[in-house]
Amino acid sequence: MQVVHDFALLAPVPHEHLESGRPVAEKTGFVAFGTNKWELFRKLDDMREGDPVPVLIYPSDEGIAAKASFIVRWFGWYIDHVESNNGRHPKGMSHRPPSTEKYAADNIGHWAAFWHVKGLHELPPEKRVSIGKIQSYAAGGWRKNAPPRGPELVILPEILSYES
């Protein structure tokens, strides 16, 4: 795929969901991650004009506050989102990481929407970027001393502008 816009989606996702979600994306065409930031994804869909958008993913560690030193280790392409059906993905578990089955709230009642990523893969070490070096796309975006705990729009770092 080719980068069309100067923005990307920066998002924390638990490492276990990235590992178990990669084969799902390969098999079904995309993997679905949950979010309560449905407004952000509506805005993103308006901004992207149907084009895929780079997704920069850093593995989140549940229970540990996000730090500017966290590293973007995964890359994929955001293709769309769907609103949940009472907290469930409308297509059930067919696009969800199997690791989410361990957590009851991950697949019923918790998420407002699900965002879809295709081409999910781990970045080679030379392409990895500290989230502290990534700029927010919007004025008043996330602060360097309080990194995001959920998806945010950012300026695509040059080093990742040719990633596929």
Protein backbone atom coordinates (compact mmCIF):
# COMPACT_ATOMS: atom_id res chain seq x y z
CA MET A 1 0.00 0.00 0.00
CA GLN A 2 1.02 3.57 -0.46
CA VAL A 3 0.87 6.38 2.08
CA VAL A 4 -1.52 9.08 0.83
CA HIS A 5 -1.90 11.35 3.87
CA ASP A 6 0.61 12.91 6.29
CA PHE A 7 -1.13 11.49 9.35
CA ALA A 8 -1.22 8.11 11.02
CA LEU A 9 -2.96 6.40 13.90
CA LEU A 10 -0.86 5.76 17.01
CA ALA A 11 -2.35 3.11 19.27
CA PRO A 12 -1.44 0.96 22.26
CA VAL A 13 -2.49 -2.69 21.99
CA PRO A 14 -1.59 -5.47 24.45
CA HIS A 15 1.27 -7.57 23.09
CA GLU A 16 -0.67 -10.83 23.40
CA HIS A 17 -3.45 -9.44 21.15
CA LEU A 18 -0.89 -8.36 18.54
CA GLU A 19 0.69 -11.81 18.46
CA SER A 20 -2.61 -13.67 18.27
CA GLY A 21 -4.15 -11.06 15.94
CA ARG A 22 -1.49 -11.28 13.22
CA PRO A 23 -2.64 -14.71 11.94
CA VAL A 24 -6.27 -13.50 12.06
CA ALA A 25 -5.39 -10.53 9.81
CA GLU A 26 -3.51 -12.85 7.42
CA LYS A 27 -6.37 -15.36 7.26
CA THR A 28 -9.42 -13.06 7.17
CA GLY A 29 -8.00 -9.86 5.67
CA PHE A 30 -8.00 -7.82 8.88
CA VAL A 31 -7.95 -7.98 12.65
CA ALA A 32 -10.38 -5.99 14.84
CA PHE A 33 -9.26 -4.17 17.97
CA GLY A 34 -11.74 -2.66 20.46
CA THR A 35 -12.02 1.01 21.42
CA ASN A 36 -14.29 3.44 23.19
CA LYS A 37 -13.00 6.33 21.05
CA TRP A 38 -15.69 5.94 18.39
CA GLU A 39 -15.68 9.72 17.75
CA LEU A 40 -11.99 9.61 16.79
CA PHE A 41 -12.66 6.85 14.28
CA ARG A 42 -15.60 8.70 12.73
CA LYS A 43 -13.32 11.73 12.33
CA LEU A 44 -10.54 9.56 10.91
CA ASP A 45 -12.90 8.02 8.36
CA ASP A 46 -13.88 11.52 7.18
CA MET A 47 -10.25 12.62 6.96
CA ARG A 48 -8.91 9.59 5.10
CA GLU A 49 -11.42 9.79 2.25
CA GLY A 50 -11.49 6.00 1.85
CA ASP A 51 -7.69 5.58 1.78
CA PRO A 52 -5.94 3.22 4.18
CA VAL A 53 -3.99 4.99 6.94
CA PRO A 54 -0.77 3.79 8.57
CA VAL A 55 -1.19 2.43 12.09
CA LEU A 56 1.73 2.70 14.48
CA ILE A 57 1.25 0.30 17.37
CA TYR A 58 3.17 0.10 20.60
CA PRO A 59 2.61 -2.89 22.85
CA SER A 60 0.82 -1.72 25.96
CA ASP A 61 1.51 -3.20 29.32
CA GLU A 62 -1.69 -3.39 31.27
CA GLY A 63 -1.37 -1.84 34.69
CA ILE A 64 1.72 0.20 33.74
CA ALA A 65 1.30 3.88 32.95
CA ALA A 66 2.26 4.77 29.37
CA LYS A 67 5.74 6.27 29.02
CA ALA A 68 7.29 8.40 26.27
CA SER A 69 9.95 5.68 26.04
CA PHE A 70 7.43 3.09 24.78
CA ILE A 71 8.40 1.94 21.30
CA VAL A 72 6.29 1.56 18.15
CA ARG A 73 7.08 -2.05 17.26
CA TRP A 74 4.13 -2.96 15.03
CA PHE A 75 2.72 -1.51 11.81
CA GLY A 76 -0.45 -2.05 9.84
CA TRP A 77 -3.07 -0.25 7.78
CA TYR A 78 -6.28 1.11 9.24
CA ILE A 79 -9.07 0.34 6.76
CA ASP A 80 -12.30 1.13 8.65
CA HIS A 81 -14.23 0.71 11.86
CA VAL A 82 -17.62 -0.61 12.94
CA GLU A 83 -19.67 0.27 15.96
CA SER A 84 -20.22 -2.56 18.38
CA ASN A 85 -23.34 -4.60 18.85
CA ASN A 86 -23.79 -4.42 22.65
CA GLY A 87 -20.00 -4.46 23.02
CA ARG A 88 -19.45 -7.29 20.55
CA HIS A 89 -17.98 -7.12 17.09
CA PRO A 90 -20.86 -7.46 14.58
CA LYS A 91 -19.09 -10.49 13.04
CA GLY A 92 -18.42 -12.15 16.38
CA MET A 93 -14.94 -13.56 16.90
CA SER A 94 -14.10 -14.04 13.20
CA HIS A 95 -11.80 -10.96 13.16
CA ARG A 96 -10.90 -10.72 16.84
CA PRO A 97 -7.57 -11.87 18.31
CA PRO A 98 -8.16 -15.25 19.99
CA SER A 99 -6.33 -13.98 23.08
CA THR A 100 -9.26 -11.63 23.78
CA GLU A 101 -11.41 -14.66 24.64
CA LYS A 102 -9.63 -14.81 28.02
CA TYR A 103 -11.19 -11.48 29.01
CA ALA A 104 -14.98 -11.50 29.16
CA ALA A 105 -15.32 -7.72 28.77
CA ASP A 106 -13.22 -7.71 25.58
CA ASN A 107 -15.97 -9.32 23.56
CA ILE A 108 -19.19 -8.38 25.29
CA GLY A 109 -20.37 -5.09 26.70
CA HIS A 110 -17.07 -3.16 26.92
CA TRP A 111 -16.16 -1.62 23.54
CA ALA A 112 -18.12 1.06 21.68
CA ALA A 113 -16.44 0.28 18.34
CA PHE A 114 -13.87 -1.92 16.64
CA TRP A 115 -11.13 -0.65 14.33
CA HIS A 116 -9.86 -2.85 11.53
CA VAL A 117 -6.19 -3.34 10.63
CA LYS A 118 -4.82 -5.21 7.65
CA GLY A 119 -1.19 -6.05 6.98
CA LEU A 120 -0.33 -6.22 10.69
CA HIS A 121 3.36 -6.99 11.14
CA GLU A 122 6.23 -6.41 13.52
CA LEU A 123 8.69 -3.74 12.44
CA PRO A 124 12.38 -4.50 11.99
CA PRO A 125 14.54 -2.95 14.75
CA GLU A 126 15.84 -0.15 12.50
CA LYS A 127 12.28 1.12 11.86
CA ARG A 128 11.13 1.19 15.48
CA VAL A 129 10.35 4.63 16.93
CA SER A 130 9.93 5.89 20.48
CA ILE A 131 6.44 7.32 20.96
CA GLY A 132 8.10 10.34 22.60
CA LYS A 133 9.49 11.30 19.16
CA ILE A 134 6.09 11.22 17.45
CA GLN A 135 4.13 14.46 17.13
CA SER A 136 0.41 14.79 17.67
CA TYR A 137 -1.54 15.68 14.54
CA ALA A 138 -3.99 17.99 16.26
CA ALA A 139 -3.29 21.01 18.42
CA GLY A 140 -3.92 20.07 22.00
CA GLY A 141 -3.16 16.41 21.27
CA TRP A 142 -1.40 14.08 23.66
CA ARG A 143 1.30 15.52 25.88
CA LYS A 144 4.81 14.08 25.98
CA ASN A 145 4.60 13.80 29.77
CA ALA A 146 1.26 11.94 29.51
CA PRO A 147 1.40 9.57 26.51
CA PRO A 148 -1.90 8.24 25.18
CA ARG A 149 -3.58 5.20 26.64
CA GLY A 150 -5.75 4.89 23.55
CA PRO A 151 -5.63 5.62 19.80
CA GLU A 152 -4.56 9.12 18.71
CA LEU A 153 -3.93 10.87 15.39
CA VAL A 154 -0.25 11.70 14.86
CA ILE A 155 2.05 12.98 12.16
CA LEU A 156 3.54 10.03 10.28
CA PRO A 157 7.29 9.80 11.07
CA GLU A 158 9.45 9.95 7.94
CA ILE A 159 11.15 6.64 8.77
CA LEU A 160 7.78 4.87 8.45
CA SER A 161 6.46 6.73 5.40
CA TYR A 162 7.68 3.95 3.06
CA GLU A 163 6.58 0.99 5.19
CA SER A 164 4.21 -1.44 3.49
